[in-house]
């Protein structure tokens, strides 16, 4: 049976880089910079996967923590707390951005629904007239929110 060993350097590297990316993404969310948030998605996913793979042995065997030096435990604990706080902030900011976008889209849809077109047209009997048709206007928003 092979003994599982934690690669502390991989955990620290992945966690540190994930924290830095989340800080950058949270700043982009504050600025409502959806382009930057989209551009960070692939890196965020990759770093999360690397972190998950690096920490997996510890999740599978919590007793591996006993093999760590006190300084390593302190470093990992501090990084873990930093990551946890950043993930929580990121989730709140993403949720707020999604909710704000949904509210904007709902307001636009409701405004379009409330706006009817009065147009000149031919009626069913071939009569020409200026009557409200009750037709709704369409609206296109050609930008990713």
N, C-alpha and C. Protein backbone atom coordinates (compact mmCIF):
# COMPACT_ATOMS: atom_id res chain seq x y z
N UNK A 1 0.84 -1.18 0.00
CA UNK A 1 0.00 0.00 0.00
C UNK A 1 0.89 1.24 0.00
N UNK A 2 0.62 2.17 -0.93
CA UNK A 2 1.42 3.39 -1.01
C UNK A 2 0.87 4.43 -0.06
N UNK A 3 1.78 5.19 0.50
CA UNK A 3 1.40 6.23 1.44
C UNK A 3 1.12 7.52 0.68
N UNK A 4 0.00 8.13 0.98
CA UNK A 4 -0.37 9.39 0.34
C UNK A 4 0.38 10.53 1.02
N UNK A 5 0.91 11.42 0.20
CA UNK A 5 1.65 12.56 0.71
C UNK A 5 1.01 13.82 0.15
N UNK A 6 0.90 14.82 1.01
CA UNK A 6 0.38 16.11 0.57
C UNK A 6 1.48 16.91 -0.11
N UNK A 7 1.15 17.53 -1.21
CA UNK A 7 2.09 18.42 -1.86
C UNK A 7 1.72 19.84 -1.45
N UNK A 8 2.33 20.30 -0.38
CA UNK A 8 2.01 21.60 0.19
C UNK A 8 2.25 22.72 -0.82
N UNK A 9 3.32 22.63 -1.58
CA UNK A 9 3.62 23.68 -2.56
C UNK A 9 2.50 23.83 -3.59
N UNK A 10 1.93 22.71 -4.03
CA UNK A 10 0.82 22.78 -4.99
C UNK A 10 -0.41 23.42 -4.36
N UNK A 11 -0.69 23.04 -3.12
CA UNK A 11 -1.85 23.61 -2.43
C UNK A 11 -1.66 25.12 -2.26
N UNK A 12 -0.51 25.52 -1.79
CA UNK A 12 -0.24 26.95 -1.56
C UNK A 12 -0.30 27.72 -2.88
N UNK A 13 0.32 27.17 -3.94
CA UNK A 13 0.32 27.85 -5.24
C UNK A 13 -1.10 28.02 -5.76
N UNK A 14 -1.87 26.94 -5.75
CA UNK A 14 -3.24 26.98 -6.28
C UNK A 14 -4.11 27.92 -5.45
N UNK A 15 -4.02 27.83 -4.15
CA UNK A 15 -4.85 28.66 -3.28
C UNK A 15 -4.48 30.14 -3.41
N UNK A 16 -3.20 30.44 -3.45
CA UNK A 16 -2.75 31.82 -3.59
C UNK A 16 -3.21 32.41 -4.91
N UNK A 17 -3.04 31.67 -5.99
CA UNK A 17 -3.45 32.17 -7.30
C UNK A 17 -4.96 32.29 -7.42
N UNK A 18 -5.68 31.37 -6.82
CA UNK A 18 -7.14 31.45 -6.83
C UNK A 18 -7.60 32.66 -6.03
N UNK A 19 -6.97 32.93 -4.90
CA UNK A 19 -7.31 34.11 -4.10
C UNK A 19 -7.06 35.39 -4.90
N UNK A 20 -5.93 35.46 -5.57
CA UNK A 20 -5.61 36.65 -6.36
C UNK A 20 -6.61 36.84 -7.50
N UNK A 21 -6.98 35.76 -8.15
CA UNK A 21 -7.96 35.85 -9.23
C UNK A 21 -9.31 36.31 -8.69
N UNK A 22 -9.73 35.77 -7.55
CA UNK A 22 -11.01 36.17 -6.96
C UNK A 22 -11.00 37.64 -6.55
N UNK A 23 -9.89 38.12 -6.03
CA UNK A 23 -9.78 39.54 -5.69
C UNK A 23 -9.96 40.39 -6.95
N UNK A 24 -9.30 40.00 -8.03
CA UNK A 24 -9.40 40.72 -9.30
C UNK A 24 -10.83 40.66 -9.84
N UNK A 25 -11.45 39.48 -9.77
CA UNK A 25 -12.82 39.34 -10.26
C UNK A 25 -13.79 40.15 -9.41
N UNK A 26 -13.60 40.14 -8.10
CA UNK A 26 -14.48 40.92 -7.23
C UNK A 26 -14.38 42.41 -7.55
N UNK A 27 -13.17 42.89 -7.85
CA UNK A 27 -12.99 44.29 -8.25
C UNK A 27 -13.73 44.55 -9.57
N UNK A 28 -13.65 43.62 -10.50
CA UNK A 28 -14.36 43.76 -11.77
C UNK A 28 -15.87 43.79 -11.54
N UNK A 29 -16.35 42.99 -10.61
CA UNK A 29 -17.78 42.98 -10.30
C UNK A 29 -18.21 44.31 -9.67
N UNK A 30 -17.36 44.89 -8.84
CA UNK A 30 -17.66 46.20 -8.26
C UNK A 30 -17.82 47.24 -9.37
N UNK A 31 -16.97 47.14 -10.42
CA UNK A 31 -17.01 48.08 -11.54
C UNK A 31 -18.06 47.68 -12.58
N UNK A 32 -18.77 46.59 -12.36
CA UNK A 32 -19.75 46.05 -13.31
C UNK A 32 -19.08 45.76 -14.66
N UNK A 33 -17.87 45.24 -14.61
CA UNK A 33 -17.07 44.93 -15.79
C UNK A 33 -17.29 43.47 -16.16
N UNK A 34 -18.40 43.20 -16.85
CA UNK A 34 -18.76 41.82 -17.16
C UNK A 34 -17.78 41.18 -18.15
N UNK A 35 -17.15 41.98 -18.98
CA UNK A 35 -16.19 41.42 -19.94
C UNK A 35 -15.02 40.77 -19.20
N UNK A 36 -14.48 41.47 -18.20
CA UNK A 36 -13.36 40.92 -17.43
C UNK A 36 -13.80 39.67 -16.68
N UNK A 37 -14.99 39.70 -16.11
CA UNK A 37 -15.50 38.53 -15.38
C UNK A 37 -15.58 37.33 -16.32
N UNK A 38 -16.10 37.55 -17.52
CA UNK A 38 -16.19 36.46 -18.51
C UNK A 38 -14.80 35.95 -18.88
N UNK A 39 -13.86 36.88 -19.07
CA UNK A 39 -12.51 36.49 -19.48
C UNK A 39 -11.79 35.69 -18.39
N UNK A 40 -12.16 35.88 -17.15
CA UNK A 40 -11.52 35.17 -16.04
C UNK A 40 -12.09 33.77 -15.81
N UNK A 41 -13.20 33.47 -16.41
CA UNK A 41 -13.92 32.22 -16.13
C UNK A 41 -13.07 30.98 -16.34
N UNK A 42 -12.39 30.88 -17.48
CA UNK A 42 -11.59 29.67 -17.75
C UNK A 42 -10.46 29.51 -16.75
N UNK A 43 -9.77 30.62 -16.44
CA UNK A 43 -8.67 30.56 -15.45
C UNK A 43 -9.20 30.20 -14.07
N UNK A 44 -10.33 30.75 -13.73
CA UNK A 44 -10.94 30.47 -12.42
C UNK A 44 -11.29 28.98 -12.31
N UNK A 45 -11.86 28.44 -13.36
CA UNK A 45 -12.22 27.02 -13.38
C UNK A 45 -10.97 26.15 -13.28
N UNK A 46 -9.95 26.50 -14.05
CA UNK A 46 -8.71 25.71 -14.02
C UNK A 46 -8.04 25.76 -12.66
N UNK A 47 -7.96 26.95 -12.06
CA UNK A 47 -7.34 27.07 -10.73
C UNK A 47 -8.15 26.33 -9.67
N UNK A 48 -9.46 26.40 -9.77
CA UNK A 48 -10.29 25.67 -8.81
C UNK A 48 -10.07 24.17 -8.92
N UNK A 49 -9.91 23.68 -10.15
CA UNK A 49 -9.66 22.25 -10.37
C UNK A 49 -8.29 21.85 -9.82
N UNK A 50 -7.28 22.68 -10.06
CA UNK A 50 -5.94 22.40 -9.53
C UNK A 50 -5.97 22.38 -8.00
N UNK A 51 -6.66 23.35 -7.41
CA UNK A 51 -6.77 23.42 -5.95
C UNK A 51 -7.49 22.18 -5.42
N UNK A 52 -8.58 21.82 -6.07
CA UNK A 52 -9.35 20.65 -5.64
C UNK A 52 -8.51 19.38 -5.71
N UNK A 53 -7.74 19.23 -6.79
CA UNK A 53 -6.88 18.05 -6.91
C UNK A 53 -5.76 18.06 -5.88
N UNK A 54 -5.22 19.24 -5.58
CA UNK A 54 -4.12 19.33 -4.62
C UNK A 54 -4.60 19.03 -3.20
N UNK A 55 -5.82 19.43 -2.90
CA UNK A 55 -6.35 19.27 -1.53
C UNK A 55 -7.07 17.93 -1.36
N UNK A 56 -7.33 17.23 -2.45
CA UNK A 56 -8.08 15.96 -2.40
C UNK A 56 -7.50 14.94 -1.43
N UNK A 57 -6.16 14.74 -1.38
CA UNK A 57 -5.64 13.76 -0.42
C UNK A 57 -6.01 14.10 1.02
N UNK A 58 -6.04 15.38 1.35
CA UNK A 58 -6.39 15.80 2.71
C UNK A 58 -7.87 15.57 2.98
N UNK A 59 -8.68 15.80 1.96
CA UNK A 59 -10.12 15.55 2.12
C UNK A 59 -10.39 14.06 2.29
N UNK A 60 -9.63 13.22 1.57
CA UNK A 60 -9.81 11.77 1.67
C UNK A 60 -9.27 11.20 2.97
N UNK A 61 -8.20 11.81 3.47
CA UNK A 61 -7.56 11.32 4.69
C UNK A 61 -7.16 12.50 5.58
N UNK A 62 -8.09 12.97 6.42
CA UNK A 62 -7.82 14.14 7.27
C UNK A 62 -6.61 13.96 8.19
N UNK A 63 -6.21 12.72 8.44
CA UNK A 63 -5.06 12.48 9.31
C UNK A 63 -3.75 12.96 8.68
N UNK A 64 -3.77 13.24 7.38
CA UNK A 64 -2.57 13.77 6.72
C UNK A 64 -2.18 15.13 7.30
N UNK A 65 -3.12 15.83 7.86
CA UNK A 65 -2.83 17.13 8.47
C UNK A 65 -1.83 16.97 9.62
N UNK A 66 -1.84 15.80 10.24
CA UNK A 66 -0.91 15.56 11.35
C UNK A 66 0.53 15.48 10.89
N UNK A 67 0.73 15.26 9.59
CA UNK A 67 2.10 15.16 9.06
C UNK A 67 2.70 16.54 8.75
N UNK A 68 1.89 17.56 8.85
CA UNK A 68 2.35 18.91 8.51
C UNK A 68 3.11 19.55 9.67
N UNK A 69 4.06 20.37 9.32
CA UNK A 69 4.77 21.17 10.31
C UNK A 69 3.83 22.27 10.80
N UNK A 70 4.03 22.78 12.02
CA UNK A 70 3.15 23.84 12.54
C UNK A 70 3.08 25.06 11.62
N UNK A 71 4.21 25.43 11.01
CA UNK A 71 4.21 26.58 10.10
C UNK A 71 3.36 26.31 8.87
N UNK A 72 3.41 25.07 8.38
CA UNK A 72 2.61 24.70 7.22
C UNK A 72 1.12 24.74 7.55
N UNK A 73 0.78 24.26 8.75
CA UNK A 73 -0.61 24.29 9.19
C UNK A 73 -1.10 25.73 9.27
N UNK A 74 -0.29 26.61 9.84
CA UNK A 74 -0.67 28.02 9.96
C UNK A 74 -0.87 28.65 8.59
N UNK A 75 0.07 28.37 7.67
CA UNK A 75 -0.02 28.94 6.33
C UNK A 75 -1.28 28.45 5.61
N UNK A 76 -1.53 27.15 5.68
CA UNK A 76 -2.71 26.60 5.00
C UNK A 76 -4.00 27.09 5.63
N UNK A 77 -4.01 27.22 6.95
CA UNK A 77 -5.20 27.73 7.63
C UNK A 77 -5.48 29.17 7.21
N UNK A 78 -4.44 30.00 7.19
CA UNK A 78 -4.60 31.40 6.79
C UNK A 78 -5.06 31.50 5.34
N UNK A 79 -4.45 30.73 4.46
CA UNK A 79 -4.86 30.74 3.06
C UNK A 79 -6.30 30.24 2.90
N UNK A 80 -6.65 29.21 3.65
CA UNK A 80 -8.00 28.66 3.58
C UNK A 80 -9.04 29.68 4.03
N UNK A 81 -8.74 30.41 5.09
CA UNK A 81 -9.66 31.44 5.57
C UNK A 81 -9.79 32.59 4.57
N UNK A 82 -8.66 32.97 3.98
CA UNK A 82 -8.68 34.02 2.96
C UNK A 82 -9.51 33.57 1.75
N UNK A 83 -9.29 32.34 1.31
CA UNK A 83 -10.03 31.81 0.18
C UNK A 83 -11.52 31.74 0.48
N UNK A 84 -11.86 31.28 1.67
CA UNK A 84 -13.27 31.17 2.06
C UNK A 84 -13.95 32.53 2.02
N UNK A 85 -13.30 33.55 2.56
CA UNK A 85 -13.88 34.90 2.58
C UNK A 85 -14.05 35.43 1.15
N UNK A 86 -13.06 35.20 0.31
CA UNK A 86 -13.14 35.68 -1.08
C UNK A 86 -14.21 34.95 -1.87
N UNK A 87 -14.35 33.66 -1.64
CA UNK A 87 -15.39 32.88 -2.33
C UNK A 87 -16.77 33.37 -1.91
N UNK A 88 -16.95 33.63 -0.62
CA UNK A 88 -18.24 34.14 -0.13
C UNK A 88 -18.55 35.50 -0.73
N UNK A 89 -17.56 36.40 -0.74
CA UNK A 89 -17.75 37.72 -1.34
C UNK A 89 -18.07 37.59 -2.82
N UNK A 90 -17.34 36.72 -3.52
CA UNK A 90 -17.55 36.52 -4.94
C UNK A 90 -18.96 36.02 -5.22
N UNK A 91 -19.42 35.09 -4.43
CA UNK A 91 -20.77 34.55 -4.62
C UNK A 91 -21.83 35.64 -4.42
N UNK A 92 -21.65 36.48 -3.41
CA UNK A 92 -22.60 37.58 -3.17
C UNK A 92 -22.58 38.58 -4.31
N UNK A 93 -21.39 38.92 -4.78
CA UNK A 93 -21.28 39.90 -5.87
C UNK A 93 -21.85 39.35 -7.18
N UNK A 94 -21.58 38.08 -7.46
CA UNK A 94 -22.15 37.46 -8.66
C UNK A 94 -23.67 37.42 -8.58
N UNK A 95 -24.19 37.04 -7.44
CA UNK A 95 -25.65 36.98 -7.25
C UNK A 95 -26.26 38.38 -7.43
N UNK A 96 -25.62 39.40 -6.87
CA UNK A 96 -26.13 40.77 -7.00
C UNK A 96 -26.12 41.21 -8.46
N UNK A 97 -25.06 40.87 -9.18
CA UNK A 97 -24.96 41.23 -10.61
C UNK A 97 -26.04 40.52 -11.43
N UNK A 98 -26.25 39.25 -11.14
CA UNK A 98 -27.29 38.49 -11.84
C UNK A 98 -28.67 39.07 -11.54
N UNK A 99 -28.94 39.38 -10.27
CA UNK A 99 -30.23 39.94 -9.89
C UNK A 99 -30.45 41.31 -10.53
N UNK A 100 -29.41 42.15 -10.55
CA UNK A 100 -29.54 43.48 -11.16
C UNK A 100 -29.81 43.36 -12.66
N UNK A 101 -29.13 42.45 -13.32
CA UNK A 101 -29.35 42.25 -14.75
C UNK A 101 -30.77 41.75 -15.00
N UNK A 102 -31.24 40.85 -14.17
CA UNK A 102 -32.60 40.33 -14.33
C UNK A 102 -33.63 41.44 -14.10
N UNK A 103 -33.40 42.29 -13.12
CA UNK A 103 -34.33 43.41 -12.86
C UNK A 103 -34.36 44.36 -14.06
N UNK A 104 -33.20 44.64 -14.64
CA UNK A 104 -33.13 45.51 -15.81
C UNK A 104 -33.90 44.89 -16.97
N UNK A 105 -33.66 43.62 -17.23
CA UNK A 105 -34.36 42.96 -18.33
C UNK A 105 -35.87 42.91 -18.09
N UNK A 106 -36.28 42.65 -16.85
CA UNK A 106 -37.71 42.64 -16.52
C UNK A 106 -38.33 44.02 -16.75
N UNK A 107 -37.62 45.08 -16.35
CA UNK A 107 -38.12 46.44 -16.56
C UNK A 107 -38.25 46.75 -18.05
N UNK A 108 -37.28 46.31 -18.83
CA UNK A 108 -37.34 46.54 -20.28
C UNK A 108 -38.51 45.79 -20.90
N UNK A 109 -38.69 44.55 -20.50
CA UNK A 109 -39.80 43.75 -21.04
C UNK A 109 -41.13 44.37 -20.65
N UNK A 110 -41.26 44.80 -19.41
CA UNK A 110 -42.52 45.43 -18.97
C UNK A 110 -42.78 46.74 -19.70
N UNK A 111 -41.73 47.51 -19.98
CA UNK A 111 -41.89 48.76 -20.72
C UNK A 111 -42.36 48.49 -22.14
N UNK A 112 -41.81 47.47 -22.76
CA UNK A 112 -42.21 47.12 -24.12
C UNK A 112 -43.65 46.63 -24.13
N UNK A 113 -44.01 45.82 -23.15
CA UNK A 113 -45.38 45.31 -23.08
C UNK A 113 -46.39 46.44 -22.90
N UNK A 114 -46.00 47.46 -22.14
CA UNK A 114 -46.90 48.58 -21.87
C UNK A 114 -47.04 49.51 -23.07
N UNK A 115 -46.13 49.46 -24.00
CA UNK A 115 -46.12 50.35 -25.15
C UNK A 115 -46.76 49.65 -26.34
N UNK A 116 -47.95 50.11 -26.73
CA UNK A 116 -48.61 49.52 -27.89
C UNK A 116 -48.48 50.47 -29.07
N UNK A 117 -48.60 49.94 -30.25
CA UNK A 117 -48.44 50.71 -31.47
C UNK A 117 -49.81 51.05 -32.05
N UNK A 118 -50.01 52.32 -32.33
CA UNK A 118 -51.16 52.74 -33.11
C UNK A 118 -50.65 52.93 -34.53
N UNK A 119 -51.16 52.19 -35.45
CA UNK A 119 -50.67 52.27 -36.81
C UNK A 119 -51.82 52.36 -37.79
N UNK A 120 -51.50 52.87 -38.95
CA UNK A 120 -52.46 52.92 -40.04
C UNK A 120 -52.35 51.59 -40.77
N UNK A 121 -53.49 50.95 -40.99
CA UNK A 121 -53.45 49.65 -41.63
C UNK A 121 -54.78 49.37 -42.30
N UNK A 122 -54.82 48.31 -43.04
CA UNK A 122 -56.05 47.85 -43.66
C UNK A 122 -56.71 46.86 -42.71
N UNK A 123 -57.99 47.03 -42.51
CA UNK A 123 -58.74 46.15 -41.64
C UNK A 123 -59.14 44.88 -42.37
N UNK A 124 -59.79 43.96 -41.65
CA UNK A 124 -60.18 42.67 -42.24
C UNK A 124 -61.10 42.82 -43.45
N UNK A 125 -61.90 43.89 -43.47
CA UNK A 125 -62.83 44.09 -44.60
C UNK A 125 -62.18 44.92 -45.70
N UNK A 126 -60.87 45.17 -45.60
CA UNK A 126 -60.17 45.95 -46.61
C UNK A 126 -60.31 47.44 -46.42
N UNK A 127 -60.81 47.84 -45.26
CA UNK A 127 -60.99 49.27 -44.99
C UNK A 127 -59.69 49.85 -44.47
N UNK A 128 -59.47 51.07 -44.86
CA UNK A 128 -58.27 51.80 -44.45
C UNK A 128 -58.63 52.63 -43.22
N UNK A 129 -57.81 52.56 -42.18
CA UNK A 129 -58.14 53.34 -41.01
C UNK A 129 -56.96 53.50 -40.08
N UNK A 130 -57.08 54.40 -39.15
CA UNK A 130 -56.04 54.64 -38.14
C UNK A 130 -56.59 54.12 -36.82
N UNK A 131 -56.39 52.87 -36.58
CA UNK A 131 -56.95 52.24 -35.39
C UNK A 131 -55.83 51.61 -34.58
N UNK A 132 -55.98 51.62 -33.29
CA UNK A 132 -55.00 50.93 -32.43
C UNK A 132 -55.08 49.45 -32.66
N UNK A 133 -53.98 48.87 -32.93
CA UNK A 133 -53.98 47.43 -33.23
C UNK A 133 -53.71 46.59 -31.99
N UNK A 134 -53.18 47.23 -30.96
CA UNK A 134 -52.83 46.45 -29.80
C UNK A 134 -51.56 45.65 -30.00
N UNK A 135 -50.89 45.86 -31.15
CA UNK A 135 -49.66 45.14 -31.41
C UNK A 135 -48.56 45.67 -30.50
N UNK A 136 -47.74 44.79 -30.07
CA UNK A 136 -46.66 45.20 -29.19
C UNK A 136 -45.40 45.48 -29.98
N UNK A 137 -44.64 46.45 -29.51
CA UNK A 137 -43.36 46.75 -30.13
C UNK A 137 -42.34 45.71 -29.72
N UNK A 138 -41.35 45.56 -30.56
CA UNK A 138 -40.26 44.66 -30.18
C UNK A 138 -39.09 45.49 -29.73
N UNK A 139 -38.23 44.89 -28.96
CA UNK A 139 -37.05 45.57 -28.45
C UNK A 139 -35.89 44.61 -28.52
N UNK A 140 -34.77 45.09 -29.03
CA UNK A 140 -33.57 44.27 -29.09
C UNK A 140 -32.48 44.97 -28.30
N UNK A 141 -31.77 44.22 -27.53
CA UNK A 141 -30.65 44.76 -26.74
C UNK A 141 -29.45 43.94 -27.16
N UNK A 142 -28.61 44.54 -28.00
CA UNK A 142 -27.51 43.79 -28.61
C UNK A 142 -26.22 43.97 -27.84
N UNK A 143 -26.25 43.56 -26.58
CA UNK A 143 -25.04 43.62 -25.76
C UNK A 143 -25.17 42.58 -24.67
N UNK A 144 -24.10 41.86 -24.43
CA UNK A 144 -24.11 40.87 -23.37
C UNK A 144 -24.04 41.58 -22.03
N UNK A 145 -24.94 41.24 -21.16
CA UNK A 145 -24.95 41.89 -19.83
C UNK A 145 -24.13 41.12 -18.86
